[in-house]
């Protein structure tokens, strides 16, 4: 059995109580406590766009590289209308 399969089977075997205990222990880390996040700055990528959910679902159903397909369609549209 491969390492990743073993790890997933260990994860799948955890109960909700196990997960709660693990999550609670994560808050003891001084790097992730409230003081650490108080002055944190959220940086959003500049290349995020909003796409209607029905459109996104349609593209996702077409192929796994749906993001590339969307980009190609938009580029073709821009190039076709560049001199308008």
Protein backbone atom coordinates (compact mmCIF):
# COMPACT_ATOMS: atom_id res chain seq x y z
CA UNK A 1 0.00 0.00 0.00
CA UNK A 2 1.29 3.46 -0.86
CA UNK A 3 2.07 6.11 1.77
CA UNK A 4 -0.75 8.47 0.70
CA UNK A 5 -3.33 5.68 0.81
CA UNK A 6 -2.22 4.77 4.32
CA UNK A 7 -2.49 8.38 5.44
CA UNK A 8 -6.00 8.70 4.00
CA UNK A 9 -7.15 5.53 5.69
CA UNK A 10 -5.82 6.88 9.01
CA UNK A 11 -7.69 10.13 8.40
CA UNK A 12 -10.90 8.33 7.44
CA UNK A 13 -10.71 6.36 10.69
CA UNK A 14 -10.76 9.52 12.85
CA UNK A 15 -13.94 10.30 14.75
CA UNK A 16 -15.44 13.77 15.10
CA UNK A 17 -14.07 13.87 18.65
CA UNK A 18 -10.56 13.08 17.33
CA UNK A 19 -10.85 15.90 14.80
CA UNK A 20 -12.11 18.34 17.46
CA UNK A 21 -9.18 17.45 19.71
CA UNK A 22 -6.71 17.94 16.86
CA UNK A 23 -8.27 21.26 15.88
CA UNK A 24 -8.21 22.47 19.49
CA UNK A 25 -4.54 21.56 19.85
CA UNK A 26 -3.74 23.66 16.76
CA UNK A 27 -4.80 26.80 18.66
CA UNK A 28 -2.03 26.21 21.19
CA UNK A 29 0.55 27.07 18.55
CA UNK A 30 1.82 30.62 19.25
CA UNK A 31 2.16 31.16 15.50
CA UNK A 32 -1.58 30.72 14.96
CA UNK A 33 -3.09 32.29 18.06
CA UNK A 34 -5.35 35.36 18.02
CA UNK A 35 -2.46 37.77 18.62
CA UNK A 36 -0.69 36.47 15.53
CA UNK A 37 -3.72 37.09 13.31
CA UNK A 38 -4.68 40.45 14.88
CA UNK A 39 -2.28 42.40 12.67
CA UNK A 40 -2.30 40.01 9.71
CA UNK A 41 -2.90 41.52 6.29
CA UNK A 42 -5.13 39.72 3.84
CA UNK A 43 -3.70 39.86 0.33
CA UNK A 44 -6.08 39.03 -2.47
CA UNK A 45 -4.76 38.08 -5.90
CA UNK A 46 -5.58 40.65 -8.55
CA UNK A 47 -6.71 38.12 -11.14
CA UNK A 48 -9.91 36.87 -9.52
CA UNK A 49 -13.18 37.40 -11.36
CA UNK A 50 -16.74 36.54 -10.46
CA UNK A 51 -18.46 34.09 -12.78
CA UNK A 52 -22.10 33.10 -12.41
CA UNK A 53 -22.33 29.70 -10.76
CA UNK A 54 -24.34 28.14 -13.59
CA UNK A 55 -21.67 29.18 -16.11
CA UNK A 56 -18.86 27.88 -13.93
CA UNK A 57 -20.62 24.55 -13.42
CA UNK A 58 -21.15 24.22 -17.18
CA UNK A 59 -17.46 24.80 -17.91
CA UNK A 60 -16.41 22.41 -15.14
CA UNK A 61 -18.60 19.71 -16.69
CA UNK A 62 -16.88 20.14 -20.06
CA UNK A 63 -13.29 19.35 -19.09
CA UNK A 64 -10.87 19.34 -16.17
CA UNK A 65 -9.01 22.31 -17.69
CA UNK A 66 -12.13 24.49 -17.60
CA UNK A 67 -10.14 27.53 -16.41
CA UNK A 68 -7.96 27.34 -19.52
CA UNK A 69 -11.08 27.00 -21.67
CA UNK A 70 -12.63 30.10 -20.12
CA UNK A 71 -9.40 32.03 -20.66
CA UNK A 72 -9.19 30.91 -24.30
CA UNK A 73 -12.78 31.92 -25.01
CA UNK A 74 -12.28 35.35 -23.41
CA UNK A 75 -9.02 35.91 -25.31
CA UNK A 76 -10.66 34.99 -28.63
CA UNK A 77 -13.51 37.38 -27.87
CA UNK A 78 -11.10 40.23 -27.07
CA UNK A 79 -9.02 39.60 -30.19
CA UNK A 80 -12.12 39.44 -32.37
CA UNK A 81 -13.37 42.73 -30.95
CA UNK A 82 -10.05 44.58 -30.50
CA UNK A 83 -10.70 46.94 -33.42
CA UNK A 84 -14.38 47.58 -32.67
